Amino acid sequence: MLGHDLKEEELVRELEQAIISGNVEDTARIANEILKAELDPIKVIQEHLVSAMKLVGEKFENQEYFLADLMSAGEAMKVSTSILTSGMDRESIKRLESARSGVVVIGTVKGDQHDIGKNLVALLLQANRFDIHDLGVDVSPQEFVEKAKGTDSDIVALSALLTTTVPYQAEVTNYLRDAGLRGRFKVMVGGGATSADWAKEIGAEGWAPDATKAVEVAKQIMRVS
């Protein structure tokens, strides 16, 4: 029995390290081994995947990791999560969903093709147990709203780097208001051309100057630690 426990401990340790190092191939292999060993996938995700990505986020904040390292780790986490949840029944999925911090639809607004900052925010939110639906770049107000409705999201996060595309953040809040949905979703804005004053002007619930602060703001909105 002791040897069995040690084997399980070794597997989850290896999975954490594979994610931290951004090794997608090793992550997939180990995640499949964990499934074969019949470890609780929910426990593995909540205790080990999350802690691994938090460490990655800390390394990035401390400038020990670069953006490429963060992206690789994020991809490794996505792969392992997909494998570990592949055989879950509906009850298990509900258990996992109940433990998440919130659901976020994120994207760069219409007319803007910049995605580095948005990608970074998405990865750090995911590391903090947020369920992320990334729409990419050049996203219309209608796309944001329809995705938020379809995923029953809590937060709509809007990125805009250019001064010429910032007004589209206001278009999203206006679209939500006109559709009678403004009270249903919280709105966060960010990007190089945005500010706290701008967020207040358009009625957004949150603004963040960088990805780390965006996680803090999202947690404040959802009232989670």
C-alpha atoms as a PDB file:
ATOM      1  CA  MET A   1       0.000   0.000   0.000  1.00  0.00           C
ATOM      2  CA  LEU A   2       2.866   2.329   0.907  1.00  0.00           C
ATOM      3  CA  GLY A   3       4.522   1.669  -2.433  1.00  0.00           C
ATOM      4  CA  HIS A   4       1.240   2.447  -4.195  1.00  0.00           C
ATOM      5  CA  ASP A   5       0.951   5.783  -2.360  1.00  0.00           C
ATOM      6  CA  LEU A   6       4.529   6.664  -3.257  1.00  0.00           C
ATOM      7  CA  LYS A   7       3.833   5.893  -6.919  1.00  0.00           C
ATOM      8  CA  GLU A   8       0.817   8.209  -6.885  1.00  0.00           C
ATOM      9  CA  GLU A   9       2.842  10.944  -5.174  1.00  0.00           C
ATOM     10  CA  GLU A  10       5.579  10.547  -7.754  1.00  0.00           C
ATOM     11  CA  LEU A  11       3.100  10.840 -10.629  1.00  0.00           C
ATOM     12  CA  VAL A  12       1.529  14.085  -9.430  1.00  0.00           C
ATOM     13  CA  ARG A  13       4.968  15.524  -8.670  1.00  0.00           C
ATOM     14  CA  GLU A  14       6.084  14.673 -12.199  1.00  0.00           C
ATOM     15  CA  LEU A  15       2.933  16.250 -13.624  1.00  0.00           C
ATOM     16  CA  GLU A  16       3.536  19.472 -11.702  1.00  0.00           C
ATOM     17  CA  GLN A  17       7.118  19.636 -12.954  1.00  0.00           C
ATOM     18  CA  ALA A  18       6.090  18.946 -16.553  1.00  0.00           C
ATOM     19  CA  ILE A  19       3.619  21.838 -16.415  1.00  0.00           C
ATOM     20  CA  ILE A  20       6.100  24.173 -14.741  1.00  0.00           C
ATOM     21  CA  SER A  21       8.670  23.387 -17.435  1.00  0.00           C
ATOM     22  CA  GLY A  22       6.050  23.696 -20.191  1.00  0.00           C
ATOM     23  CA  ASN A  23       6.689  20.211 -21.559  1.00  0.00           C
ATOM     24  CA  VAL A  24       3.426  19.358 -23.327  1.00  0.00           C
ATOM     25  CA  GLU A  25       4.517  15.871 -24.434  1.00  0.00           C
ATOM     26  CA  ASP A  26       5.500  14.804 -20.900  1.00  0.00           C
ATOM     27  CA  THR A  27       2.391  16.417 -19.467  1.00  0.00           C
ATOM     28  CA  ALA A  28       0.119  14.388 -21.755  1.00  0.00           C
ATOM     29  CA  ARG A  29       1.958  11.153 -21.000  1.00  0.00           C
ATOM     30  CA  ILE A  30       1.849  11.634 -17.231  1.00  0.00           C
ATOM     31  CA  ALA A  31      -1.799  12.745 -17.247  1.00  0.00           C
ATOM     32  CA  ASN A  32      -2.709   9.514 -19.058  1.00  0.00           C
ATOM     33  CA  GLU A  33      -0.711   7.508 -16.498  1.00  0.00           C
ATOM     34  CA  ILE A  34      -2.631   9.254 -13.719  1.00  0.00           C
ATOM     35  CA  LEU A  35      -5.904   8.210 -15.340  1.00  0.00           C
ATOM     36  CA  LYS A  36      -4.703   4.604 -15.576  1.00  0.00           C
ATOM     37  CA  ALA A  37      -3.670   4.717 -11.908  1.00  0.00           C
ATOM     38  CA  GLU A  38      -7.251   5.792 -11.115  1.00  0.00           C
ATOM     39  CA  LEU A  39      -6.251   8.848  -9.094  1.00  0.00           C
ATOM     40  CA  ASP A  40      -9.017  11.336  -8.394  1.00  0.00           C
ATOM     41  CA  PRO A  41      -8.760  13.724 -11.386  1.00  0.00           C
ATOM     42  CA  ILE A  42     -10.582  16.503  -9.533  1.00  0.00           C
ATOM     43  CA  LYS A  43      -8.083  16.386  -6.677  1.00  0.00           C
ATOM     44  CA  VAL A  44      -5.185  16.357  -9.133  1.00  0.00           C
ATOM     45  CA  ILE A  45      -6.565  19.405 -10.965  1.00  0.00           C
ATOM     46  CA  GLN A  46      -7.465  21.397  -7.864  1.00  0.00           C
ATOM     47  CA  GLU A  47      -4.390  20.631  -5.806  1.00  0.00           C
ATOM     48  CA  HIS A  48      -1.607  20.064  -8.300  1.00  0.00           C
ATOM     49  CA  LEU A  49      -2.402  21.731 -11.624  1.00  0.00           C
ATOM     50  CA  VAL A  50      -3.503  24.936  -9.921  1.00  0.00           C
ATOM     51  CA  SER A  51      -0.469  25.053  -7.635  1.00  0.00           C
ATOM     52  CA  ALA A  52       1.861  24.426 -10.584  1.00  0.00           C
ATOM     53  CA  MET A  53       0.382  27.303 -12.583  1.00  0.00           C
ATOM     54  CA  LYS A  54       0.464  29.598  -9.560  1.00  0.00           C
ATOM     55  CA  LEU A  55       4.186  28.921  -9.279  1.00  0.00           C
ATOM     56  CA  VAL A  56       4.569  29.661 -12.991  1.00  0.00           C
ATOM     57  CA  GLY A  57       2.728  32.958 -12.488  1.00  0.00           C
ATOM     58  CA  GLU A  58       4.988  33.862  -9.587  1.00  0.00           C
ATOM     59  CA  LYS A  59       8.085  33.082 -11.647  1.00  0.00           C
ATOM     60  CA  PHE A  60       6.771  35.353 -14.393  1.00  0.00           C
ATOM     61  CA  GLU A  61       6.043  38.168 -11.926  1.00  0.00           C
ATOM     62  CA  ASN A  62       9.552  37.810 -10.491  1.00  0.00           C
ATOM     63  CA  GLN A  63      10.997  37.927 -14.037  1.00  0.00           C
ATOM     64  CA  GLU A  64      12.376  34.401 -13.719  1.00  0.00           C
ATOM     65  CA  TYR A  65      10.131  33.334 -16.616  1.00  0.00           C
ATOM     66  CA  PHE A  66       9.515  35.037 -19.937  1.00  0.00           C
ATOM     67  CA  LEU A  67       6.228  35.216 -21.842  1.00  0.00           C
ATOM     68  CA  ALA A  68       7.174  32.147 -23.899  1.00  0.00           C
ATOM     69  CA  ASP A  69       7.648  30.136 -20.691  1.00  0.00           C
ATOM     70  CA  LEU A  70       4.260  31.231 -19.437  1.00  0.00           C
ATOM     71  CA  MET A  71       2.563  30.333 -22.718  1.00  0.00           C
ATOM     72  CA  SER A  72       4.180  26.888 -22.785  1.00  0.00           C
ATOM     73  CA  ALA A  73       3.083  26.169 -19.230  1.00  0.00           C
ATOM     74  CA  GLY A  74      -0.430  27.333 -20.063  1.00  0.00           C
ATOM     75  CA  GLU A  75      -0.596  24.986 -23.029  1.00  0.00           C
ATOM     76  CA  ALA A  76       0.665  22.111 -20.886  1.00  0.00           C
ATOM     77  CA  MET A  77      -2.030  22.810 -18.326  1.00  0.00           C
ATOM     78  CA  LYS A  78      -4.736  22.863 -21.005  1.00  0.00           C
ATOM     79  CA  VAL A  79      -3.589  19.502 -22.354  1.00  0.00           C
ATOM     80  CA  SER A  80      -3.469  17.875 -18.914  1.00  0.00           C
ATOM     81  CA  THR A  81      -6.865  19.292 -17.932  1.00  0.00           C
ATOM     82  CA  SER A  82      -8.411  17.982 -21.150  1.00  0.00           C
ATOM     83  CA  ILE A  83      -7.039  14.497 -20.535  1.00  0.00           C
ATOM     84  CA  LEU A  84      -7.970  14.386 -16.848  1.00  0.00           C
ATOM     85  CA  THR A  85     -11.543  15.523 -17.489  1.00  0.00           C
ATOM     86  CA  SER A  86     -12.096  13.294 -20.535  1.00  0.00           C
ATOM     87  CA  GLY A  87     -13.628  10.433 -18.587  1.00  0.00           C
ATOM     88  CA  MET A  88     -15.542  12.424 -15.983  1.00  0.00           C
ATOM     89  CA  ASP A  89     -19.229  11.860 -15.440  1.00  0.00           C
ATOM     90  CA  ARG A  90     -21.644  14.776 -15.106  1.00  0.00           C
ATOM     91  CA  GLU A  91     -21.566  14.718 -11.301  1.00  0.00           C
ATOM     92  CA  SER A  92     -17.775  14.975 -11.239  1.00  0.00           C
ATOM     93  CA  ILE A  93     -17.824  17.835 -13.711  1.00  0.00           C
ATOM     94  CA  LYS A  94     -20.302  19.671 -11.495  1.00  0.00           C
ATOM     95  CA  ARG A  95     -17.990  19.157  -8.509  1.00  0.00           C
ATOM     96  CA  LEU A  96     -15.134  20.650 -10.473  1.00  0.00           C
ATOM     97  CA  GLU A  97     -17.233  23.563 -11.687  1.00  0.00           C
ATOM     98  CA  SER A  98     -18.404  24.359  -8.159  1.00  0.00           C
ATOM     99  CA  ALA A  99     -14.797  24.887  -7.062  1.00  0.00           C
ATOM    100  CA  ARG A 100     -13.863  27.387  -9.764  1.00  0.00           C
ATOM    101  CA  SER A 101     -13.430  31.077  -9.075  1.00  0.00           C
ATOM    102  CA  GLY A 102     -15.689  32.193 -11.915  1.00  0.00           C
ATOM    103  CA  VAL A 103     -16.282  32.118 -15.665  1.00  0.00           C
ATOM    104  CA  VAL A 104     -14.675  34.734 -17.909  1.00  0.00           C
ATOM    105  CA  VAL A 105     -15.167  35.570 -21.572  1.00  0.00           C
ATOM    106  CA  ILE A 106     -12.098  37.441 -22.765  1.00  0.00           C
ATOM    107  CA  GLY A 107     -11.014  38.946 -26.062  1.00  0.00           C
ATOM    108  CA  THR A 108      -9.472  41.902 -27.859  1.00  0.00           C
ATOM    109  CA  VAL A 109     -12.117  44.266 -29.169  1.00  0.00           C
ATOM    110  CA  LYS A 110     -13.146  44.912 -32.764  1.00  0.00           C
ATOM    111  CA  GLY A 111     -10.459  46.408 -34.990  1.00  0.00           C
ATOM    112  CA  ASP A 112      -7.581  45.446 -32.689  1.00  0.00           C
ATOM    113  CA  GLN A 113      -5.240  42.555 -33.506  1.00  0.00           C
ATOM    114  CA  HIS A 114      -3.049  42.727 -30.392  1.00  0.00           C
ATOM    115  CA  ASP A 115      -3.236  39.668 -28.170  1.00  0.00           C
ATOM    116  CA  ILE A 116      -0.094  39.323 -26.027  1.00  0.00           C
ATOM    117  CA  GLY A 117      -1.521  41.171 -23.033  1.00  0.00           C
ATOM    118  CA  LYS A 118      -4.878  39.467 -23.412  1.00  0.00           C
ATOM    119  CA  ASN A 119      -3.237  36.036 -23.603  1.00  0.00           C
ATOM    120  CA  LEU A 120      -1.256  36.767 -20.470  1.00  0.00           C
ATOM    121  CA  VAL A 121      -4.364  37.798 -18.537  1.00  0.00           C
ATOM    122  CA  ALA A 122      -6.182  34.659 -19.709  1.00  0.00           C
ATOM    123  CA  LEU A 123      -3.353  32.394 -18.573  1.00  0.00           C
ATOM    124  CA  LEU A 124      -3.045  33.977 -15.138  1.00  0.00           C
ATOM    125  CA  LEU A 125      -6.803  33.874 -14.626  1.00  0.00           C
ATOM    126  CA  GLN A 126      -6.806  30.211 -15.585  1.00  0.00           C
ATOM    127  CA  ALA A 127      -4.010  29.596 -13.080  1.00  0.00           C
ATOM    128  CA  ASN A 128      -6.288  31.081 -10.441  1.00  0.00           C
ATOM    129  CA  ARG A 129      -9.149  28.661 -11.142  1.00  0.00           C
ATOM    130  CA  PHE A 130     -11.151  30.821 -13.535  1.00  0.00           C
ATOM    131  CA  ASP A 131     -12.852  29.055 -16.433  1.00  0.00           C
ATOM    132  CA  ILE A 132     -11.686  30.977 -19.523  1.00  0.00           C
ATOM    133  CA  HIS A 133     -13.371  31.370 -22.908  1.00  0.00           C
ATOM    134  CA  ASP A 134     -10.901  33.218 -25.133  1.00  0.00           C
ATOM    135  CA  LEU A 135     -12.468  34.719 -28.261  1.00  0.00           C
ATOM    136  CA  GLY A 136      -9.164  35.923 -29.693  1.00  0.00           C
ATOM    137  CA  VAL A 137      -8.799  39.285 -31.449  1.00  0.00           C
ATOM    138  CA  ASP A 138     -11.016  41.640 -33.462  1.00  0.00           C
ATOM    139  CA  VAL A 139     -14.107  40.558 -31.510  1.00  0.00           C
ATOM    140  CA  SER A 140     -17.416  42.350 -32.089  1.00  0.00           C
ATOM    141  CA  PRO A 141     -19.737  43.400 -29.244  1.00  0.00           C
ATOM    142  CA  GLN A 142     -22.276  40.831 -30.422  1.00  0.00           C
ATOM    143  CA  GLU A 143     -19.699  38.028 -30.201  1.00  0.00           C
ATOM    144  CA  PHE A 144     -18.763  38.966 -26.644  1.00  0.00           C
ATOM    145  CA  VAL A 145     -22.382  39.059 -25.521  1.00  0.00           C
ATOM    146  CA  GLU A 146     -23.468  35.864 -27.259  1.00  0.00           C
ATOM    147  CA  LYS A 147     -20.508  33.948 -25.840  1.00  0.00           C
ATOM    148  CA  ALA A 148     -21.144  35.320 -22.354  1.00  0.00           C
ATOM    149  CA  LYS A 149     -24.772  34.238 -22.568  1.00  0.00           C
ATOM    150  CA  GLY A 150     -23.925  30.830 -24.000  1.00  0.00           C
ATOM    151  CA  THR A 151     -21.357  30.044 -21.301  1.00  0.00           C
ATOM    152  CA  ASP A 152     -23.260  31.663 -18.430  1.00  0.00           C
ATOM    153  CA  SER A 153     -20.199  33.784 -17.725  1.00  0.00           C
ATOM    154  CA  ASP A 154     -19.658  36.035 -14.738  1.00  0.00           C
ATOM    155  CA  ILE A 155     -17.180  38.467 -16.295  1.00  0.00           C
ATOM    156  CA  VAL A 156     -16.645  39.914 -19.773  1.00  0.00           C
ATOM    157  CA  ALA A 157     -13.015  41.037 -20.079  1.00  0.00           C
ATOM    158  CA  LEU A 158     -12.226  43.490 -22.888  1.00  0.00           C
ATOM    159  CA  SER A 159      -8.712  44.265 -24.101  1.00  0.00           C
ATOM    160  CA  ALA A 160      -7.775  47.213 -26.322  1.00  0.00           C
ATOM    161  CA  LEU A 161      -4.279  48.478 -27.035  1.00  0.00           C
ATOM    162  CA  LEU A 162      -5.041  51.211 -29.569  1.00  0.00           C
ATOM    163  CA  THR A 163      -6.712  54.546 -28.890  1.00  0.00           C
ATOM    164  CA  THR A 164      -8.749  53.991 -32.043  1.00  0.00           C
ATOM    165  CA  THR A 165     -10.215  50.709 -30.741  1.00  0.00           C
ATOM    166  CA  VAL A 166     -10.858  51.662 -27.116  1.00  0.00           C
ATOM    167  CA  PRO A 167     -14.355  53.022 -27.997  1.00  0.00           C
ATOM    168  CA  TYR A 168     -15.385  49.458 -28.854  1.00  0.00           C
ATOM    169  CA  GLN A 169     -15.123  48.634 -25.142  1.00  0.00           C
ATOM    170  CA  ALA A 170     -17.886  51.184 -24.597  1.00  0.00           C
ATOM    171  CA  GLU A 171     -19.828  49.591 -27.441  1.00  0.00           C
ATOM    172  CA  VAL A 172     -19.856  46.292 -25.551  1.00  0.00           C
ATOM    173  CA  THR A 173     -21.192  47.877 -22.353  1.00  0.00           C
ATOM    174  CA  ASN A 174     -23.776  49.766 -24.395  1.00  0.00           C
ATOM    175  CA  TYR A 175     -24.781  46.589 -26.218  1.00  0.00           C
ATOM    176  CA  LEU A 176     -25.244  44.797 -22.906  1.00  0.00           C
ATOM    177  CA  ARG A 177     -27.321  47.677 -21.584  1.00  0.00           C
ATOM    178  CA  ASP A 178     -29.514  47.853 -24.687  1.00  0.00           C
ATOM    179  CA  ALA A 179     -30.094  44.094 -24.487  1.00  0.00           C
ATOM    180  CA  GLY A 180     -31.158  44.371 -20.851  1.00  0.00           C
ATOM    181  CA  LEU A 181     -28.161  42.266 -19.774  1.00  0.00           C
ATOM    182  CA  ARG A 182     -25.980  44.848 -18.058  1.00  0.00           C
ATOM    183  CA  GLY A 183     -26.833  43.538 -14.608  1.00  0.00           C
ATOM    184  CA  ARG A 184     -26.089  39.954 -15.565  1.00  0.00           C
ATOM    185  CA  PHE A 185     -22.402  40.347 -16.417  1.00  0.00           C
ATOM    186  CA  LYS A 186     -19.538  42.261 -14.813  1.00  0.00           C
ATOM    187  CA  VAL A 187     -17.220  44.045 -17.231  1.00  0.00           C
ATOM    188  CA  MET A 188     -13.444  44.397 -16.930  1.00  0.00           C
ATOM    189  CA  VAL A 189     -11.328  46.499 -19.275  1.00  0.00           C
ATOM    190  CA  GLY A 190      -7.608  46.758 -19.855  1.00  0.00           C
ATOM    191  CA  GLY A 191      -4.953  47.570 -22.418  1.00  0.00           C
ATOM    192  CA  GLY A 192      -2.375  50.238 -23.083  1.00  0.00           C
ATOM    193  CA  ALA A 193      -4.867  52.933 -24.065  1.00  0.00           C
ATOM    194  CA  THR A 194      -7.240  52.406 -21.117  1.00  0.00           C
ATOM    195  CA  SER A 195      -7.382  53.880 -17.625  1.00  0.00           C
ATOM    196  CA  ALA A 196      -9.379  53.763 -14.403  1.00  0.00           C
ATOM    197  CA  ASP A 197     -11.161  56.940 -15.464  1.00  0.00           C
ATOM    198  CA  TRP A 198     -12.138  55.361 -18.778  1.00  0.00           C
ATOM    199  CA  ALA A 199     -13.491  52.283 -17.009  1.00  0.00           C
ATOM    200  CA  LYS A 200     -15.577  54.495 -14.757  1.00  0.00           C
ATOM    201  CA  GLU A 201     -16.824  56.524 -17.716  1.00  0.00           C
ATOM    202  CA  ILE A 202     -18.215  53.487 -19.533  1.00  0.00           C
ATOM    203  CA  GLY A 203     -19.528  51.847 -16.360  1.00  0.00           C
ATOM    204  CA  ALA A 204     -17.120  48.926 -16.214  1.00  0.00           C
ATOM    205  CA  GLU A 205     -16.789  47.206 -12.841  1.00  0.00           C
ATOM    206  CA  GLY A 206     -13.039  46.752 -13.122  1.00  0.00           C
ATOM    207  CA  TRP A 207      -9.854  48.014 -14.735  1.00  0.00           C
ATOM    208  CA  ALA A 208      -6.331  46.675 -14.509  1.00  0.00           C
ATOM    209  CA  PRO A 209      -3.032  48.142 -15.732  1.00  0.00           C
ATOM    210  CA  ASP A 210      -1.408  44.703 -16.091  1.00  0.00           C
ATOM    211  CA  ALA A 211      -2.125  40.979 -15.996  1.00  0.00           C
ATOM    212  CA  THR A 212      -1.269  40.447 -12.342  1.00  0.00           C
ATOM    213  CA  LYS A 213      -3.586  43.242 -11.272  1.00  0.00           C
ATOM    214  CA  ALA A 214      -6.293  41.849 -13.566  1.00  0.00           C
ATOM    215  CA  VAL A 215      -6.357  38.654 -11.492  1.00  0.00           C
ATOM    216  CA  GLU A 216      -6.764  40.697  -8.308  1.00  0.00           C
ATOM    217  CA  VAL A 217      -9.612  42.686  -9.848  1.00  0.00           C
ATOM    218  CA  ALA A 218     -11.375  39.540 -11.072  1.00  0.00           C
ATOM    219  CA  LYS A 219     -11.107  37.988  -7.621  1.00  0.00           C
ATOM    220  CA  GLN A 220     -12.506  41.153  -6.049  1.00  0.00           C
ATOM    221  CA  ILE A 221     -15.445  41.080  -8.449  1.00  0.00           C
ATOM    222  CA  MET A 222     -16.135  37.432  -7.654  1.00  0.00           C
ATOM    223  CA  ARG A 223     -15.288  37.864  -3.955  1.00  0.00           C
ATOM    224  CA  VAL A 224     -12.858  34.976  -3.872  1.00  0.00           C
ATOM    225  CA  SER A 225      -9.441  34.771  -2.259  1.00  0.00           C
END
